[in-house]
C-alpha atoms as a PDB file:
ATOM      1  CA  MET A   1      88.019  74.153  87.993  1.00  0.00           C
ATOM      2  CA  ILE A   2      89.655  73.249  91.339  1.00  0.00           C
ATOM      3  CA  GLU A   3      91.032  69.994  89.932  1.00  0.00           C
ATOM      4  CA  GLN A   4      92.438  71.848  86.917  1.00  0.00           C
ATOM      5  CA  SER A   5      94.094  74.489  89.117  1.00  0.00           C
ATOM      6  CA  SER A   6      95.549  71.713  91.271  1.00  0.00           C
ATOM      7  CA  LEU A   7      97.185  70.124  88.221  1.00  0.00           C
ATOM      8  CA  LEU A   8      98.465  73.477  86.971  1.00  0.00           C
ATOM      9  CA  CYS A   9      99.905  74.305  90.405  1.00  0.00           C
ATOM     10  CA  GLN A  10     101.562  70.926  90.547  1.00  0.00           C
ATOM     11  CA  ASP A  11     103.238  71.642  87.193  1.00  0.00           C
ATOM     12  CA  ILE A  12     104.374  75.061  88.425  1.00  0.00           C
ATOM     13  CA  LEU A  13     105.833  73.653  91.645  1.00  0.00           C
ATOM     14  CA  LYS A  14     107.660  70.974  89.650  1.00  0.00           C
ATOM     15  CA  GLU A  15     109.062  73.685  87.371  1.00  0.00           C
ATOM     16  CA  LEU A  16     110.008  75.746  90.425  1.00  0.00           C
ATOM     17  CA  ALA A  17     111.794  72.776  92.046  1.00  0.00           C
ATOM     18  CA  ILE A  18     113.893  72.268  88.915  1.00  0.00           C
ATOM     19  CA  TYR A  19     114.792  75.958  88.899  1.00  0.00           C
ATOM     20  CA  LEU A  20     115.634  76.026  92.628  1.00  0.00           C
ATOM     21  CA  ASN A  21     117.886  72.995  92.279  1.00  0.00           C
ATOM     22  CA  LYS A  22     119.844  74.903  89.620  1.00  0.00           C
ATOM     23  CA  HIS A  23     119.739  78.221  91.544  1.00  0.00           C
ATOM     24  CA  PRO A  24     119.736  77.421  95.287  1.00  0.00           C
ATOM     25  CA  GLY A  25     120.483  81.045  96.204  1.00  0.00           C
ATOM     26  CA  GLN A  26     117.011  82.017  95.034  1.00  0.00           C
ATOM     27  CA  SER A  27     115.003  79.692  97.261  1.00  0.00           C
ATOM     28  CA  ARG A  28     114.151  82.339  99.857  1.00  0.00           C
ATOM     29  CA  ILE A  29     112.386  85.692  99.820  1.00  0.00           C
ATOM     30  CA  ALA A  30     113.137  88.131 102.639  1.00  0.00           C
ATOM     31  CA  LEU A  31     110.339  90.536 103.536  1.00  0.00           C
ATOM     32  CA  LYS A  32     110.166  93.487 105.922  1.00  0.00           C
ATOM     33  CA  SER A  33     107.104  95.126 107.372  1.00  0.00           C
ATOM     34  CA  ILE A  34     106.024  98.581 106.350  1.00  0.00           C
ATOM     35  CA  GLY A  35     103.039  98.921 108.651  1.00  0.00           C
ATOM     36  CA  PHE A  36      99.564  97.619 109.205  1.00  0.00           C
ATOM     37  CA  MET A  37      96.385  97.765 107.186  1.00  0.00           C
ATOM     38  CA  GLY A  38      92.855  97.644 108.344  1.00  0.00           C
ATOM     39  CA  PRO A  39      90.152  98.143 109.385  1.00  0.00           C
ATOM     40  CA  PRO A  40      87.319  97.739 108.253  1.00  0.00           C
ATOM     41  CA  ILE A  41      87.128  93.941 108.548  1.00  0.00           C
ATOM     42  CA  GLY A  42      90.470  92.987 110.056  1.00  0.00           C
ATOM     43  CA  ILE A  43      94.111  93.818 110.769  1.00  0.00           C
ATOM     44  CA  ALA A  44      97.090  92.680 108.685  1.00  0.00           C
ATOM     45  CA  VAL A  45     100.831  93.383 108.593  1.00  0.00           C
ATOM     46  CA  LEU A  46     101.960  94.709 105.207  1.00  0.00           C
ATOM     47  CA  PHE A  47     105.338  93.631 103.811  1.00  0.00           C
ATOM     48  CA  ILE A  48     107.683  94.575 101.002  1.00  0.00           C
ATOM     49  CA  PRO A  49     110.632  92.596  99.636  1.00  0.00           C
ATOM     50  CA  SER A  50     113.836  93.429 101.533  1.00  0.00           C
ATOM     51  CA  THR A  51     116.056  93.709  98.458  1.00  0.00           C
ATOM     52  CA  GLU A  52     115.822  94.043  94.695  1.00  0.00           C
ATOM     53  CA  LYS A  53     116.654  90.332  94.421  1.00  0.00           C
ATOM     54  CA  ASP A  54     113.751  89.449  96.736  1.00  0.00           C
ATOM     55  CA  TYR A  55     111.463  91.677  94.663  1.00  0.00           C
ATOM     56  CA  LYS A  56     112.458  89.958  91.420  1.00  0.00           C
ATOM     57  CA  ILE A  57     111.932  86.475  92.872  1.00  0.00           C
ATOM     58  CA  LEU A  58     108.499  87.475  94.213  1.00  0.00           C
ATOM     59  CA  MET A  59     107.404  89.025  90.918  1.00  0.00           C
ATOM     60  CA  ASN A  60     108.626  85.997  88.936  1.00  0.00           C
ATOM     61  CA  LEU A  61     106.500  83.775  91.176  1.00  0.00           C
ATOM     62  CA  PHE A  62     103.559  86.119  90.713  1.00  0.00           C
ATOM     63  CA  GLU A  63     103.892  85.804  86.932  1.00  0.00           C
ATOM     64  CA  LEU A  64     104.031  81.995  87.171  1.00  0.00           C
ATOM     65  CA  PHE A  65     100.798  81.864  89.143  1.00  0.00           C
ATOM     66  CA  GLN A  66      99.098  84.356  86.829  1.00  0.00           C
ATOM     67  CA  LYS A  67      98.817  81.378  84.455  1.00  0.00           C
ATOM     68  CA  ILE A  68      96.278  79.893  86.870  1.00  0.00           C
ATOM     69  CA  VAL A  69      94.465  82.824  88.430  1.00  0.00           C
ATOM     70  CA  LYS A  70      94.675  86.208  86.745  1.00  0.00           C
ATOM     71  CA  LEU A  71      94.827  89.000  89.302  1.00  0.00           C
ATOM     72  CA  SER A  72      94.162  92.543  88.184  1.00  0.00           C
ATOM     73  CA  LYS A  73      96.543  94.008  90.777  1.00  0.00           C
ATOM     74  CA  PRO A  74     100.090  93.005  91.736  1.00  0.00           C
ATOM     75  CA  VAL A  75     100.677  90.836  94.774  1.00  0.00           C
ATOM     76  CA  LYS A  76     100.443  92.583  98.161  1.00  0.00           C
ATOM     77  CA  PRO A  77     102.401  90.522 100.712  1.00  0.00           C
ATOM     78  CA  HIS A  78     100.588  90.570 104.033  1.00  0.00           C
ATOM     79  CA  LEU A  79      99.961  88.509 107.121  1.00  0.00           C
ATOM     80  CA  SER A  80      96.444  88.591 108.493  1.00  0.00           C
ATOM     81  CA  LEU A  81      96.442  88.950 112.268  1.00  0.00           C
ATOM     82  CA  GLY A  82      92.726  88.659 112.759  1.00  0.00           C
ATOM     83  CA  TYR A  83      89.251  89.526 111.627  1.00  0.00           C
ATOM     84  CA  PHE A  84      86.606  91.540 113.397  1.00  0.00           C
ATOM     85  CA  LEU A  85      83.955  88.885 113.591  1.00  0.00           C
ATOM     86  CA  PRO A  86      81.210  88.339 114.514  1.00  0.00           C
ATOM     87  CA  GLU A  87      80.901  92.116 114.759  1.00  0.00           C
ATOM     88  CA  GLU A  88      83.063  95.046 113.847  1.00  0.00           C
ATOM     89  CA  PRO A  89      84.358  97.095 116.809  1.00  0.00           C
ATOM     90  CA  GLU A  90      83.708 100.816 116.955  1.00  0.00           C
ATOM     91  CA  SER A  91      86.105 103.133 115.097  1.00  0.00           C
ATOM     92  CA  LYS A  92      87.964 104.363 118.188  1.00  0.00           C
ATOM     93  CA  LYS A  93      88.864 100.818 119.286  1.00  0.00           C
ATOM     94  CA  LYS A  94      90.157  99.981 115.793  1.00  0.00           C
ATOM     95  CA  LEU A  95      92.247 103.158 115.652  1.00  0.00           C
ATOM     96  CA  ASP A  96      93.652 102.471 119.132  1.00  0.00           C
ATOM     97  CA  LEU A  97      94.651  98.983 117.989  1.00  0.00           C
ATOM     98  CA  LEU A  98      96.394 100.332 114.883  1.00  0.00           C
ATOM     99  CA  LYS A  99      98.228 102.907 117.022  1.00  0.00           C
ATOM    100  CA  VAL A 100      99.579 100.186 119.347  1.00  0.00           C
ATOM    101  CA  LEU A 101     100.594  97.979 116.426  1.00  0.00           C
ATOM    102  CA  ASN A 102     102.371 100.803 114.613  1.00  0.00           C
ATOM    103  CA  GLU A 103     104.545 101.548 117.651  1.00  0.00           C
ATOM    104  CA  ASN A 104     106.700  98.530 116.789  1.00  0.00           C
ATOM    105  CA  PRO A 105     106.237  97.702 113.104  1.00  0.00           C
ATOM    106  CA  ASN A 106     109.723  96.255 112.470  1.00  0.00           C
ATOM    107  CA  ILE A 107     108.876  92.687 111.553  1.00  0.00           C
ATOM    108  CA  GLU A 108     111.038  90.634 109.213  1.00  0.00           C
ATOM    109  CA  LEU A 109     110.285  87.232 107.798  1.00  0.00           C
ATOM    110  CA  GLU A 110     111.687  84.895 105.215  1.00  0.00           C
ATOM    111  CA  LEU A 111     109.692  82.737 102.840  1.00  0.00           C
ATOM    112  CA  ASP A 112     111.252  79.390 101.949  1.00  0.00           C
ATOM    113  CA  LEU A 113     110.098  78.471  98.447  1.00  0.00           C
ATOM    114  CA  TRP A 114     110.767  74.786  99.111  1.00  0.00           C
ATOM    115  CA  GLU A 115     107.897  75.012 101.638  1.00  0.00           C
ATOM    116  CA  LEU A 116     105.502  76.587  99.119  1.00  0.00           C
ATOM    117  CA  SER A 117     102.298  74.552  99.345  1.00  0.00           C
ATOM    118  CA  TYR A 118      99.123  73.947  97.418  1.00  0.00           C
ATOM    119  CA  GLN A 119      96.363  73.821 100.005  1.00  0.00           C
ATOM    120  CA  LYS A 120      92.639  73.324 100.083  1.00  0.00           C
ATOM    121  CA  PHE A 121      90.629  74.758 102.916  1.00  0.00           C
ATOM    122  CA  THR A 122      87.253  74.047 104.394  1.00  0.00           C
ATOM    123  CA  ASP A 123      87.204  77.195 106.542  1.00  0.00           C
ATOM    124  CA  MET A 124      89.628  79.876 107.780  1.00  0.00           C
ATOM    125  CA  ASN A 125      91.007  77.467 110.403  1.00  0.00           C
ATOM    126  CA  THR A 126      91.376  74.278 108.375  1.00  0.00           C
ATOM    127  CA  TYR A 127      93.931  74.087 105.562  1.00  0.00           C
ATOM    128  CA  ILE A 128      94.852  70.750 103.987  1.00  0.00           C
ATOM    129  CA  THR A 129      98.224  70.574 102.235  1.00  0.00           C
ATOM    130  CA  GLU A 130      97.957  68.669  98.968  1.00  0.00           C
ATOM    131  CA  PHE A 131     101.620  69.017  97.877  1.00  0.00           C
ATOM    132  CA  GLN A 132     104.726  71.178  98.342  1.00  0.00           C
ATOM    133  CA  THR A 133     107.653  72.270  96.183  1.00  0.00           C
ATOM    134  CA  LYS A 134     110.051  70.126  98.253  1.00  0.00           C
ATOM    135  CA  GLU A 135     108.230  66.978  97.130  1.00  0.00           C
ATOM    136  CA  PHE A 136     109.575  67.572  93.610  1.00  0.00           C
ATOM    137  CA  LYS A 137     113.294  67.951  94.543  1.00  0.00           C
END
């Protein structure tokens, strides 16, 4: 299954590279934060596309990858900040953390689709890049 998904992802990134070469203005997706989610098991920054164009690019990518892994819910852009391991802190500490984080939630980032990577991981700290969109320019 992993080998098959690797081949399918490679085909998608090749297709994406062809498209991006023809439409260079669509190679980036701007995102802006809307707040934080968590607990119970961790804390993450939630994002939404900055513009309608960014939304359309993101949803088109989502549809491409649905060919490989069918998700029952739409994509939820987020950035995990950490997990509460080995043990979950008490509720008050988690709520205090969310309060501090929400005092300055204005985070913007930009995804470069040429850097989109297919990665394998052995654990949450070790990701091995197999290939990237930019390799198919």
